[in-house]
Every structure is written in C-alpha cells, then in structure tokens.
N, C-alpha and C. Protein backbone atom coordinates (compact mmCIF):
# COMPACT_ATOMS: atom_id res chain seq x y z
N MET A 1 -102.19 -27.25 -15.83
CA MET A 1 -100.25 -27.48 -15.74
C MET A 1 -100.36 -25.92 -14.10
N SER A 2 -99.74 -26.22 -13.48
CA SER A 2 -99.30 -25.64 -12.25
C SER A 2 -98.10 -24.69 -12.66
N ARG A 3 -98.17 -23.10 -12.46
CA ARG A 3 -97.86 -22.03 -12.36
C ARG A 3 -96.69 -21.60 -10.71
N ALA A 4 -96.93 -22.33 -10.29
CA ALA A 4 -96.46 -22.86 -8.63
C ALA A 4 -94.93 -22.21 -9.20
N GLY A 5 -94.11 -21.38 -8.68
CA GLY A 5 -93.08 -21.10 -8.88
C GLY A 5 -92.59 -20.45 -10.04
N ILE A 6 -93.81 -20.11 -10.83
CA ILE A 6 -92.97 -19.35 -12.01
C ILE A 6 -93.53 -17.64 -11.88
N HIS A 7 -93.09 -16.67 -11.89
CA HIS A 7 -93.36 -15.71 -12.00
C HIS A 7 -94.28 -15.32 -13.58
N PRO A 8 -95.24 -14.87 -13.43
CA PRO A 8 -96.11 -14.52 -14.83
C PRO A 8 -95.15 -14.02 -15.63
N ARG A 9 -94.24 -13.46 -15.41
CA ARG A 9 -93.68 -12.47 -16.89
C ARG A 9 -91.96 -13.30 -16.75
N ARG A 10 -91.76 -14.30 -15.98
CA ARG A 10 -90.67 -14.84 -16.44
C ARG A 10 -90.11 -15.86 -16.79
N VAL A 11 -89.82 -16.39 -17.60
CA VAL A 11 -89.03 -17.09 -18.11
C VAL A 11 -88.10 -18.78 -17.33
N MET A 12 -87.40 -18.22 -16.39
CA MET A 12 -87.45 -18.80 -15.27
C MET A 12 -87.78 -18.72 -14.04
N PRO A 13 -87.37 -19.94 -13.32
CA PRO A 13 -87.82 -19.49 -11.56
C PRO A 13 -87.63 -18.78 -11.01
N ASP A 14 -88.46 -17.96 -11.02
CA ASP A 14 -88.17 -16.84 -9.37
C ASP A 14 -88.38 -17.11 -8.16
N ALA A 15 -86.60 -16.80 -7.82
CA ALA A 15 -86.62 -17.34 -6.66
C ALA A 15 -87.84 -16.95 -5.02
N ARG A 16 -88.65 -15.81 -5.97
CA ARG A 16 -89.57 -15.55 -4.62
C ARG A 16 -90.62 -15.98 -4.73
N CYS A 17 -91.04 -17.02 -5.60
CA CYS A 17 -92.04 -18.46 -5.86
C CYS A 17 -91.22 -19.71 -5.02
N GLY A 18 -89.92 -19.60 -4.60
CA GLY A 18 -89.87 -20.44 -4.43
C GLY A 18 -88.85 -21.52 -5.15
N GLY A 19 -88.66 -20.86 -6.84
CA GLY A 19 -88.03 -21.58 -7.53
C GLY A 19 -86.70 -21.36 -7.35
N THR A 20 -85.34 -21.74 -7.95
CA THR A 20 -84.03 -21.55 -8.28
C THR A 20 -83.07 -21.64 -9.10
N LEU A 21 -81.96 -20.48 -9.07
CA LEU A 21 -81.71 -19.98 -10.94
C LEU A 21 -80.68 -20.86 -10.68
N ASP A 22 -79.80 -21.26 -9.21
CA ASP A 22 -78.37 -22.06 -8.93
C ASP A 22 -79.04 -23.17 -9.31
N GLY A 23 -77.42 -23.93 -9.60
CA GLY A 23 -77.78 -25.61 -9.65
C GLY A 23 -78.77 -25.85 -10.47
N MET A 24 -79.43 -25.17 -11.37
CA MET A 24 -80.08 -25.55 -12.28
C MET A 24 -80.33 -26.97 -13.01
N ALA A 25 -81.12 -28.06 -12.74
CA ALA A 25 -80.67 -28.93 -13.63
C ALA A 25 -81.28 -29.47 -14.80
N THR A 26 -82.58 -28.81 -14.83
CA THR A 26 -82.90 -29.21 -15.85
C THR A 26 -82.99 -27.57 -16.90
N ALA A 27 -83.53 -27.43 -17.73
CA ALA A 27 -83.25 -25.85 -18.57
C ALA A 27 -84.90 -24.90 -18.39
N PRO A 28 -84.83 -23.98 -18.08
CA PRO A 28 -86.59 -23.61 -17.73
C PRO A 28 -86.85 -23.38 -18.98
N ALA A 29 -88.52 -22.99 -19.03
CA ALA A 29 -88.81 -23.68 -20.19
C ALA A 29 -90.32 -22.31 -19.84
N GLN A 30 -90.76 -22.20 -21.67
CA GLN A 30 -91.24 -20.85 -21.42
C GLN A 30 -92.79 -21.68 -22.28
N LEU A 31 -93.97 -20.99 -22.08
CA LEU A 31 -95.03 -21.76 -22.25
C LEU A 31 -95.46 -20.57 -23.91
N LEU A 32 -96.22 -20.97 -24.89
CA LEU A 32 -96.10 -20.10 -25.77
C LEU A 32 -97.38 -20.56 -26.71
N VAL A 33 -98.63 -19.99 -26.03
CA VAL A 33 -100.10 -20.41 -26.59
C VAL A 33 -100.70 -19.54 -27.44
N TYR A 34 -101.02 -19.93 -29.06
CA TYR A 34 -101.42 -19.12 -30.41
C TYR A 34 -103.10 -19.28 -30.50
N ARG A 35 -103.83 -18.76 -30.58
CA ARG A 35 -105.26 -18.52 -30.91
C ARG A 35 -104.87 -17.98 -32.69
N PHE A 36 -105.68 -18.97 -33.45
CA PHE A 36 -105.86 -19.04 -35.24
C PHE A 36 -107.15 -18.66 -35.51
N GLY A 37 -107.27 -17.91 -36.31
CA GLY A 37 -109.07 -17.96 -36.61
C GLY A 37 -109.03 -18.63 -37.72
N THR A 38 -110.44 -18.30 -38.19
CA THR A 38 -110.80 -19.06 -39.83
C THR A 38 -109.80 -17.78 -40.62
N ASP A 39 -109.26 -17.10 -40.95
CA ASP A 39 -108.47 -17.00 -41.90
C ASP A 39 -107.20 -16.83 -41.86
N ALA A 40 -106.67 -17.70 -40.85
CA ALA A 40 -105.09 -18.28 -40.47
C ALA A 40 -105.04 -19.08 -41.77
N GLY A 41 -103.54 -18.82 -42.13
CA GLY A 41 -103.36 -19.93 -43.35
C GLY A 41 -102.08 -20.62 -42.89
N PHE A 42 -102.17 -21.95 -42.43
CA PHE A 42 -101.30 -22.88 -42.32
C PHE A 42 -100.43 -23.28 -43.52
N GLU A 43 -99.45 -22.46 -43.80
CA GLU A 43 -98.81 -23.48 -44.99
C GLU A 43 -97.25 -23.63 -44.32
N GLY A 44 -96.91 -24.07 -43.25
CA GLY A 44 -95.45 -24.40 -42.93
C GLY A 44 -95.04 -23.42 -42.20
N HIS A 45 -95.43 -22.44 -42.25
CA HIS A 45 -94.51 -20.46 -41.45
C HIS A 45 -94.47 -21.36 -39.69
N LEU A 46 -95.16 -21.89 -39.03
CA LEU A 46 -95.24 -22.29 -37.56
C LEU A 46 -93.90 -23.19 -37.97
N VAL A 47 -94.30 -24.54 -38.68
CA VAL A 47 -93.35 -25.43 -38.04
C VAL A 47 -91.75 -25.22 -38.75
N GLY A 48 -91.95 -24.64 -39.92
CA GLY A 48 -90.72 -23.88 -40.16
C GLY A 48 -89.87 -23.05 -38.91
N ALA A 49 -90.75 -22.34 -38.04
CA ALA A 49 -90.58 -21.18 -36.75
C ALA A 49 -89.84 -22.48 -35.88
N LEU A 50 -91.16 -23.28 -35.67
CA LEU A 50 -90.22 -24.18 -34.49
C LEU A 50 -88.74 -24.46 -34.72
N GLU A 51 -88.96 -25.74 -35.91
CA GLU A 51 -87.73 -25.97 -36.51
C GLU A 51 -86.14 -24.83 -36.56
N ARG A 52 -86.69 -23.75 -36.90
CA ARG A 52 -84.98 -22.22 -36.45
C ARG A 52 -84.51 -22.71 -35.13
N ILE A 53 -86.09 -22.43 -34.45
CA ILE A 53 -85.92 -22.21 -32.87
C ILE A 53 -84.44 -23.39 -32.22
N GLU A 54 -84.63 -24.75 -32.45
CA GLU A 54 -83.81 -25.94 -31.94
C GLU A 54 -82.74 -25.62 -33.62
N ALA A 55 -82.49 -24.84 -34.07
CA ALA A 55 -81.23 -25.38 -35.21
C ALA A 55 -79.88 -24.54 -34.63
N GLY A 56 -79.77 -24.23 -33.52
CA GLY A 56 -78.97 -23.70 -33.16
C GLY A 56 -78.35 -24.07 -31.53
N GLY A 57 -79.71 -24.90 -31.43
CA GLY A 57 -79.22 -26.12 -29.93
C GLY A 57 -79.58 -25.03 -28.47
N SER A 58 -79.57 -23.97 -28.97
CA SER A 58 -80.07 -23.02 -27.31
C SER A 58 -81.16 -23.02 -26.69
N MET A 59 -82.41 -23.49 -27.90
CA MET A 59 -83.26 -23.63 -27.32
C MET A 59 -84.23 -25.00 -27.59
N GLN A 60 -85.04 -25.82 -27.17
CA GLN A 60 -85.51 -26.81 -27.96
C GLN A 60 -87.13 -26.85 -27.62
N VAL A 61 -87.81 -27.34 -28.46
CA VAL A 61 -89.57 -27.31 -27.92
C VAL A 61 -89.37 -29.05 -27.80
N LEU A 62 -90.22 -28.55 -26.31
CA LEU A 62 -90.50 -29.52 -25.36
C LEU A 62 -91.69 -29.89 -25.28
N ASP A 63 -92.34 -30.19 -25.97
CA ASP A 63 -94.24 -30.04 -25.75
C ASP A 63 -94.78 -29.40 -27.01
N LEU A 64 -95.88 -29.86 -27.81
CA LEU A 64 -96.38 -29.10 -28.77
C LEU A 64 -97.81 -29.69 -28.59
N LEU A 65 -98.69 -29.04 -28.83
CA LEU A 65 -100.06 -29.47 -29.07
C LEU A 65 -100.97 -28.17 -29.55
N PHE A 66 -101.37 -28.84 -30.88
CA PHE A 66 -102.61 -28.39 -31.91
C PHE A 66 -103.48 -28.88 -31.58
N VAL A 67 -104.32 -27.92 -31.44
CA VAL A 67 -106.07 -28.43 -31.33
C VAL A 67 -106.76 -27.54 -32.48
N ALA A 68 -108.02 -28.24 -33.37
CA ALA A 68 -108.25 -27.30 -34.34
C ALA A 68 -109.91 -27.84 -34.34
N ARG A 69 -110.80 -27.35 -35.01
CA ARG A 69 -112.10 -27.52 -35.52
C ARG A 69 -111.78 -26.99 -36.86
N ASP A 70 -112.45 -27.52 -38.28
CA ASP A 70 -112.15 -27.44 -39.26
C ASP A 70 -113.36 -26.80 -39.26
N GLY A 71 -114.11 -26.64 -40.22
CA GLY A 71 -114.98 -25.31 -41.06
C GLY A 71 -116.23 -26.22 -40.00
N THR A 72 -116.67 -27.47 -40.36
CA THR A 72 -117.65 -27.92 -40.17
C THR A 72 -117.93 -28.50 -38.53
N GLY A 73 -116.57 -27.70 -37.68
CA GLY A 73 -116.53 -28.10 -36.34
C GLY A 73 -115.96 -29.44 -35.75
N ASP A 74 -115.01 -30.47 -37.53
CA ASP A 74 -114.81 -32.04 -36.42
C ASP A 74 -113.02 -31.14 -36.32
N LEU A 75 -113.20 -32.18 -34.81
CA LEU A 75 -112.08 -32.04 -33.99
C LEU A 75 -110.42 -32.59 -34.75
N ALA A 76 -109.24 -31.72 -34.85
CA ALA A 76 -108.07 -32.16 -35.53
C ALA A 76 -107.26 -32.07 -34.00
N ALA A 77 -106.38 -32.73 -33.75
CA ALA A 77 -105.23 -32.77 -32.79
C ALA A 77 -104.29 -33.34 -33.00
N VAL A 78 -102.70 -32.86 -32.59
CA VAL A 78 -101.43 -33.52 -32.04
C VAL A 78 -101.10 -32.93 -31.43
N ASP A 79 -100.24 -33.78 -30.46
CA ASP A 79 -99.47 -33.96 -29.23
C ASP A 79 -98.19 -34.29 -29.25
N LEU A 80 -97.10 -33.96 -28.63
CA LEU A 80 -95.83 -33.89 -29.51
C LEU A 80 -95.49 -33.95 -28.52
N HIS A 81 -94.29 -34.58 -27.63
CA HIS A 81 -93.62 -34.62 -26.28
C HIS A 81 -91.94 -34.73 -26.51
N GLY A 82 -91.04 -33.84 -25.51
CA GLY A 82 -90.08 -34.69 -25.32
C GLY A 82 -88.78 -34.51 -27.15
N ALA A 83 -88.39 -35.81 -26.94
CA ALA A 83 -87.24 -36.05 -27.80
C ALA A 83 -88.05 -35.60 -29.60
N ARG A 84 -89.45 -35.62 -29.47
CA ARG A 84 -90.32 -36.13 -30.36
C ARG A 84 -90.62 -34.91 -31.58
N ALA A 85 -90.98 -33.89 -30.15
CA ALA A 85 -91.42 -32.76 -30.02
C ALA A 85 -90.36 -31.93 -31.29
N GLY A 86 -89.55 -32.05 -31.41
CA GLY A 86 -88.35 -31.47 -32.26
C GLY A 86 -88.04 -32.32 -33.29
N GLY A 87 -87.37 -33.55 -32.70
CA GLY A 87 -86.59 -34.43 -34.01
C GLY A 87 -87.58 -34.36 -34.57
N GLY A 88 -88.53 -34.96 -34.88
CA GLY A 88 -89.34 -35.82 -34.89
C GLY A 88 -90.72 -34.77 -35.29
N MET A 89 -90.70 -33.68 -35.05
CA MET A 89 -91.79 -32.72 -35.59
C MET A 89 -92.70 -32.61 -36.38
N VAL A 90 -91.05 -32.14 -37.31
CA VAL A 90 -91.53 -31.36 -38.71
C VAL A 90 -92.60 -33.11 -39.38
N SER A 91 -91.51 -34.31 -39.75
CA SER A 91 -92.39 -35.30 -40.31
C SER A 91 -93.73 -35.37 -39.52
N SER A 92 -94.06 -35.42 -38.58
CA SER A 92 -95.71 -35.44 -38.07
C SER A 92 -96.77 -34.35 -38.49
N LEU A 93 -95.66 -33.22 -38.24
CA LEU A 93 -96.88 -32.35 -38.46
C LEU A 93 -97.21 -32.34 -39.99
N LEU A 94 -95.92 -32.50 -41.32
CA LEU A 94 -96.27 -32.21 -42.17
C LEU A 94 -97.12 -33.58 -42.44
N SER A 95 -97.17 -34.71 -41.77
CA SER A 95 -98.10 -35.77 -41.93
C SER A 95 -99.67 -35.21 -41.85
N PHE A 96 -100.11 -34.64 -40.89
CA PHE A 96 -100.70 -34.18 -40.05
C PHE A 96 -101.53 -33.22 -40.96
N ARG A 97 -100.66 -32.17 -41.29
CA ARG A 97 -101.11 -30.85 -41.98
C ARG A 97 -101.72 -31.23 -43.48
N LEU A 98 -101.00 -32.61 -44.48
CA LEU A 98 -100.93 -32.31 -45.32
C LEU A 98 -102.02 -33.74 -45.75
N ASP A 99 -102.20 -34.88 -44.61
CA ASP A 99 -102.30 -35.94 -45.46
C ASP A 99 -104.08 -36.01 -44.66
N ALA A 100 -105.04 -36.08 -45.18
CA ALA A 100 -105.82 -35.97 -44.03
C ALA A 100 -106.28 -37.51 -43.55
N SER A 101 -106.33 -38.26 -43.98
CA SER A 101 -106.02 -39.95 -42.98
C SER A 101 -105.03 -39.64 -41.72
N ALA A 102 -103.94 -39.21 -42.38
CA ALA A 102 -102.94 -39.17 -41.03
C ALA A 102 -103.27 -38.39 -40.17
N ARG A 103 -104.37 -37.34 -40.78
CA ARG A 103 -104.69 -36.09 -39.63
C ARG A 103 -105.87 -37.19 -38.95
N ARG A 104 -106.77 -37.68 -39.27
CA ARG A 104 -107.52 -38.24 -38.22
C ARG A 104 -107.36 -39.41 -37.61
N ARG A 105 -106.16 -39.83 -38.16
CA ARG A 105 -105.34 -41.33 -36.96
C ARG A 105 -104.53 -40.72 -35.99
N ILE A 106 -104.12 -40.01 -36.40
CA ILE A 106 -102.85 -38.98 -35.22
C ILE A 106 -104.06 -38.23 -34.26
N THR A 107 -105.42 -38.33 -34.73
CA THR A 107 -106.54 -37.05 -33.62
C THR A 107 -106.55 -38.41 -33.19
N ARG A 108 -107.51 -39.47 -33.49
CA ARG A 108 -107.83 -40.68 -33.51
C ARG A 108 -107.12 -40.68 -31.76
N ARG A 109 -105.37 -41.16 -31.90
CA ARG A 109 -104.39 -41.45 -30.77
C ARG A 109 -104.41 -40.69 -29.58
N VAL A 110 -104.65 -38.96 -29.72
CA VAL A 110 -104.04 -38.01 -29.32
C VAL A 110 -105.68 -37.87 -28.15
N VAL A 111 -106.72 -38.27 -28.93
CA VAL A 111 -108.13 -37.76 -27.88
C VAL A 111 -108.21 -38.90 -27.27
N ALA A 112 -107.49 -39.61 -27.50
CA ALA A 112 -107.56 -41.32 -26.15
C ALA A 112 -106.29 -41.51 -25.37
N GLY A 113 -105.68 -40.52 -25.47
CA GLY A 113 -103.97 -40.59 -24.74
C GLY A 113 -104.40 -39.70 -23.67
N ALA A 114 -103.42 -39.35 -23.01
CA ALA A 114 -103.23 -38.98 -21.93
C ALA A 114 -103.50 -37.57 -21.60
N HIS A 115 -103.19 -36.57 -22.46
CA HIS A 115 -103.78 -35.37 -22.62
C HIS A 115 -105.73 -35.18 -22.65
N ALA A 116 -106.22 -36.42 -22.69
CA ALA A 116 -107.38 -36.19 -23.71
C ALA A 116 -108.33 -35.27 -22.95
N ASP A 117 -108.89 -35.18 -21.18
CA ASP A 117 -109.24 -33.97 -20.55
C ASP A 117 -108.96 -32.53 -20.86
N LEU A 118 -107.56 -32.31 -21.43
CA LEU A 118 -107.14 -31.30 -22.19
C LEU A 118 -107.32 -30.94 -23.14
N ILE A 119 -107.32 -31.82 -24.34
CA ILE A 119 -107.67 -31.10 -25.73
C ILE A 119 -109.43 -31.56 -25.46
N ALA A 120 -110.00 -31.92 -24.82
CA ALA A 120 -111.81 -31.82 -24.52
C ALA A 120 -112.18 -30.38 -24.20
N ALA A 121 -111.36 -30.15 -23.75
CA ALA A 121 -111.81 -28.51 -22.66
C ALA A 121 -111.13 -26.78 -23.59
N LEU A 122 -109.72 -27.99 -24.01
CA LEU A 122 -109.18 -26.91 -25.59
C LEU A 122 -110.24 -26.90 -26.71
N ALA A 123 -110.66 -28.20 -26.85
CA ALA A 123 -111.76 -28.09 -28.19
C ALA A 123 -112.60 -27.45 -28.25
N ALA A 124 -113.37 -27.51 -26.88
CA ALA A 124 -114.32 -26.66 -26.26
C ALA A 124 -114.77 -25.48 -26.31
N THR A 125 -113.46 -24.41 -26.14
CA THR A 125 -112.43 -23.25 -26.53
C THR A 125 -113.17 -22.91 -28.17
N LEU A 126 -113.13 -23.89 -29.20
CA LEU A 126 -112.74 -23.01 -30.67
C LEU A 126 -114.11 -22.91 -31.01
N GLU A 127 -114.48 -22.20 -32.21
CA GLU A 127 -115.21 -22.68 -32.56
C GLU A 127 -115.35 -23.21 -34.10
N PRO A 128 -115.60 -23.05 -35.46
CA PRO A 128 -115.74 -24.16 -35.99
C PRO A 128 -114.17 -23.17 -36.96
N GLY A 129 -113.41 -23.80 -37.94
CA GLY A 129 -112.63 -23.53 -38.01
C GLY A 129 -111.70 -22.10 -36.95
N HIS A 130 -111.52 -22.84 -36.26
CA HIS A 130 -110.28 -21.66 -35.22
C HIS A 130 -109.41 -22.73 -34.33
N ALA A 131 -108.16 -22.85 -34.21
CA ALA A 131 -107.45 -23.56 -33.69
C ALA A 131 -106.63 -22.64 -32.49
N LEU A 132 -105.80 -23.69 -32.15
CA LEU A 132 -104.95 -23.49 -30.97
C LEU A 132 -103.78 -24.36 -30.72
N ALA A 133 -102.56 -23.35 -30.39
CA ALA A 133 -101.66 -24.00 -30.82
C ALA A 133 -100.87 -23.34 -29.40
N ALA A 134 -100.00 -24.62 -28.27
CA ALA A 134 -99.23 -24.37 -27.85
C ALA A 134 -98.06 -24.89 -27.68
N VAL A 135 -96.95 -23.80 -27.43
CA VAL A 135 -95.62 -24.75 -27.60
C VAL A 135 -94.54 -24.46 -26.39
N LEU A 136 -93.86 -25.66 -25.63
CA LEU A 136 -93.48 -25.24 -24.27
C LEU A 136 -91.79 -25.54 -24.70
N VAL A 137 -91.33 -24.28 -25.19
CA VAL A 137 -89.11 -24.18 -25.34
C VAL A 137 -88.85 -24.32 -24.16
N GLY A 138 -88.26 -25.14 -23.79
CA GLY A 138 -86.55 -24.98 -23.73
C GLY A 138 -85.51 -24.34 -23.53
N HIS A 139 -85.26 -23.44 -22.40
CA HIS A 139 -84.35 -22.80 -22.58
C HIS A 139 -82.38 -23.16 -22.06
N GLU A 140 -82.30 -23.72 -23.34
CA GLU A 140 -81.02 -24.37 -22.56
C GLU A 140 -79.69 -23.33 -22.52
N TRP A 141 -80.11 -22.26 -23.29
CA TRP A 141 -78.81 -21.44 -23.00
C TRP A 141 -79.49 -20.59 -21.74
N ALA A 142 -79.99 -21.12 -20.97
CA ALA A 142 -79.96 -20.16 -19.34
C ALA A 142 -79.44 -20.73 -18.94
N ARG A 143 -79.74 -22.49 -19.13
CA ARG A 143 -78.90 -22.99 -17.75
C ARG A 143 -77.27 -23.13 -18.22
N ALA A 144 -76.63 -22.92 -18.83
CA ALA A 144 -75.72 -22.80 -19.68
C ALA A 144 -74.83 -21.54 -18.77
N VAL A 145 -75.96 -20.24 -18.53
CA VAL A 145 -75.65 -19.45 -18.39
C VAL A 145 -75.75 -19.15 -17.06
N ALA A 146 -76.71 -19.71 -16.33
CA ALA A 146 -76.54 -19.81 -15.07
C ALA A 146 -76.04 -21.18 -14.36
N ASP A 147 -75.30 -22.13 -15.14
CA ASP A 147 -74.02 -22.65 -14.47
C ASP A 147 -73.44 -21.53 -14.60
N ALA A 148 -72.34 -21.02 -15.38
CA ALA A 148 -71.40 -19.70 -15.65
C ALA A 148 -71.31 -18.70 -14.06
N VAL A 149 -72.18 -17.96 -14.36
CA VAL A 149 -72.67 -17.66 -13.52
C VAL A 149 -72.78 -18.25 -12.15
N ASP A 150 -73.13 -19.00 -11.68
CA ASP A 150 -72.93 -20.25 -10.54
C ASP A 150 -71.23 -20.21 -9.51
N ARG A 151 -70.94 -20.94 -11.06
CA ARG A 151 -69.63 -21.56 -10.90
C ARG A 151 -68.08 -20.08 -10.90
N THR A 152 -68.80 -18.93 -11.27
CA THR A 152 -67.95 -18.12 -10.99
C THR A 152 -68.04 -17.22 -9.41
N GLY A 153 -69.18 -17.76 -9.03
CA GLY A 153 -69.90 -17.02 -7.58
C GLY A 153 -70.99 -15.74 -7.72
N GLY A 154 -71.50 -15.77 -8.78
CA GLY A 154 -72.22 -14.82 -8.86
C GLY A 154 -73.68 -15.34 -8.61
N SER A 155 -75.03 -14.39 -8.74
CA SER A 155 -76.43 -14.93 -8.30
C SER A 155 -77.09 -14.06 -9.08
N ALA A 156 -78.45 -14.62 -9.88
CA ALA A 156 -79.15 -14.37 -11.04
C ALA A 156 -80.35 -12.81 -9.98
N LEU A 157 -80.33 -11.71 -10.33
CA LEU A 157 -81.00 -11.04 -10.12
C LEU A 157 -81.89 -10.24 -10.17
N ILE A 158 -82.71 -10.17 -12.16
CA ILE A 158 -83.59 -10.07 -13.26
C ILE A 158 -83.65 -11.23 -14.03
N ASN A 159 -84.48 -11.54 -14.11
CA ASN A 159 -84.66 -12.50 -15.77
C ASN A 159 -85.86 -12.35 -16.01
N ASP A 160 -85.88 -11.07 -16.67
CA ASP A 160 -87.63 -11.12 -16.85
C ASP A 160 -87.20 -11.08 -18.83
N ILE A 161 -88.85 -11.36 -19.13
CA ILE A 161 -89.34 -11.11 -20.68
C ILE A 161 -89.57 -10.22 -20.51
N VAL A 162 -88.90 -9.18 -21.42
CA VAL A 162 -89.19 -7.24 -21.56
C VAL A 162 -89.68 -6.88 -22.90
N GLY A 163 -90.63 -5.77 -22.74
CA GLY A 163 -90.89 -5.14 -24.21
C GLY A 163 -89.47 -3.83 -25.11
N PRO A 164 -88.88 -3.18 -23.68
CA PRO A 164 -87.43 -2.32 -24.45
C PRO A 164 -86.68 -3.50 -24.73
N THR A 165 -86.02 -2.60 -25.26
CA THR A 165 -84.42 -3.53 -26.11
C THR A 165 -83.49 -2.86 -25.79
N SER A 166 -83.24 -2.00 -24.66
CA SER A 166 -82.32 -1.69 -24.42
C SER A 166 -82.03 -1.83 -22.88
N LEU A 167 -81.02 -1.35 -22.71
CA LEU A 167 -80.35 -1.21 -20.99
C LEU A 167 -80.99 0.27 -20.33
N THR A 168 -80.68 1.31 -21.19
CA THR A 168 -81.52 2.32 -21.03
C THR A 168 -82.62 2.47 -20.47
N GLU A 169 -83.27 1.97 -21.08
CA GLU A 169 -84.89 2.12 -20.86
C GLU A 169 -85.24 1.41 -19.70
N LEU A 170 -84.35 0.42 -19.31
CA LEU A 170 -84.69 -0.38 -18.52
C LEU A 170 -83.50 -0.16 -17.50
N GLY A 171 -83.11 0.90 -16.99
CA GLY A 171 -82.50 1.40 -15.75
C GLY A 171 -82.88 1.54 -14.39
N PRO A 172 -84.43 1.84 -14.85
CA PRO A 172 -85.08 1.99 -13.36
C PRO A 172 -85.45 0.31 -12.70
N ALA A 173 -85.16 -0.65 -14.01
CA ALA A 173 -85.61 -2.10 -13.42
C ALA A 173 -84.30 -2.37 -12.61
N LEU A 174 -83.05 -1.83 -13.70
CA LEU A 174 -81.35 -2.57 -13.26
C LEU A 174 -81.04 -2.04 -11.40
N ILE A 175 -81.41 -0.52 -11.53
CA ILE A 175 -80.97 0.20 -10.23
C ILE A 175 -82.84 -0.88 -8.97
N GLU A 176 -83.29 -1.09 -9.44
CA GLU A 176 -84.54 -2.05 -8.30
C GLU A 176 -83.28 -2.67 -7.57
N ALA A 177 -83.87 -4.18 -8.66
CA ALA A 177 -82.37 -5.17 -8.74
C ALA A 177 -81.75 -5.34 -7.84
N ALA A 178 -80.36 -4.59 -8.44
CA ALA A 178 -79.26 -3.93 -7.56
C ALA A 178 -79.56 -3.63 -6.31
N THR A 179 -80.51 -3.22 -6.00
CA THR A 179 -80.29 -2.20 -4.99
C THR A 179 -81.74 -2.84 -3.72
N GLY A 180 -82.20 -3.79 -3.86
CA GLY A 180 -83.14 -4.49 -3.51
C GLY A 180 -84.29 -4.06 -3.05
N GLY A 181 -84.48 -2.50 -3.63
CA GLY A 181 -85.62 -1.61 -3.97
C GLY A 181 -86.46 -0.70 -4.55
N PRO A 182 -86.81 0.01 -4.85
CA PRO A 182 -87.67 0.87 -5.91
C PRO A 182 -85.53 1.64 -6.60
N ALA A 183 -86.37 1.96 -7.98
CA ALA A 183 -84.96 3.47 -7.81
C ALA A 183 -85.11 4.73 -7.32
N PRO A 184 -84.55 4.87 -7.51
CA PRO A 184 -84.56 6.46 -6.96
C PRO A 184 -84.86 7.61 -7.83
N VAL A 185 -86.03 8.42 -7.31
CA VAL A 185 -87.33 9.43 -8.11
C VAL A 185 -85.76 10.78 -8.77
C-alpha cells in the first residue's frame, strides 16, 4: 500500500505531502495493524470493538484482513472489504472463528483472491500460533468537520494523532502551526 500523500503520524492527508483537506470527497482513513502471539485469546473482543467503532456512524471499517497460523502452522485468513467489512463483518467473522469448515472455506477463497500475494507475504512473517490483524478505518467525522471548516472559510493547520490529552501539553505545536514556524522558547 502506498503511503504517498500521507504523513506517517497523520489520520488525514497532509497538504505538504500533496494531500488536501478542502473539498474532501472521501473520508480519510487510518491503518491499524496488530500482531498476536500464542497467548492471544480470540473471544470476540476484537469483533466487538469493530462493531462499536461503527455504532455511532462517525467511523467506518473499510477493510479488514486477518491472517493466522495455527499451532501446527496451517494458514487461516479472512479478508473483508467495503460495506461488507462493517455490515456483514460480524457474521462472517463469527463463522470464521467458530466454524472450522467455514474457516477453511473462507481461507481457500481468500488465498486464491485478489490479495493472495499480500496474504502470502504476511503469513510468511508469522510463526505457528501467531496472527496479524489489519483494519482500515474511515473517519467519517473528519469529512464532516472539514466540510464545515471549508464552508466557514477556514483551513486546517494540524491534524495529528497525539499522545498528550490536553491542549496545554500541545501548546508548542499549536503555536508552531499558527505561526508557520517553531514556538518561541
């Protein structure tokens, strides 16, 4: 997947990288990738979290890829896209998780599909008993905010995912954005 036009810490396109916030036709997306070891307990926690992401409508699961090797090294994979990633995701993932024959059927279809090379490459990074989940989340809220700012005549200065939880802690970054240079010391 190309990262052109996306700043590595940004949720939305970075204007300095050729992206734009004004007139946003599609919601910006964020890629989340997680690795699980042999001690992982897949008991529906991840599926529940993905359901909650979409519940309010401000975020949407665009794509989901899960690749795993069982204790003997056999491959299992599921690949969901677009509306199916969200709407039909729960039933597909429950079948994948709970029904061994469904899991084999889904895996056969996925490893022969459009992302066969990607799945093979990811599977090659996994030891027996390990798994990887990749989720592409669309930020519908960001499109609504960008549209409101655009209609108001404003422009985006910062759109970072940050660790601090207060604007006071982010003061220097705010000043830098507002002045176009580093904050005075």
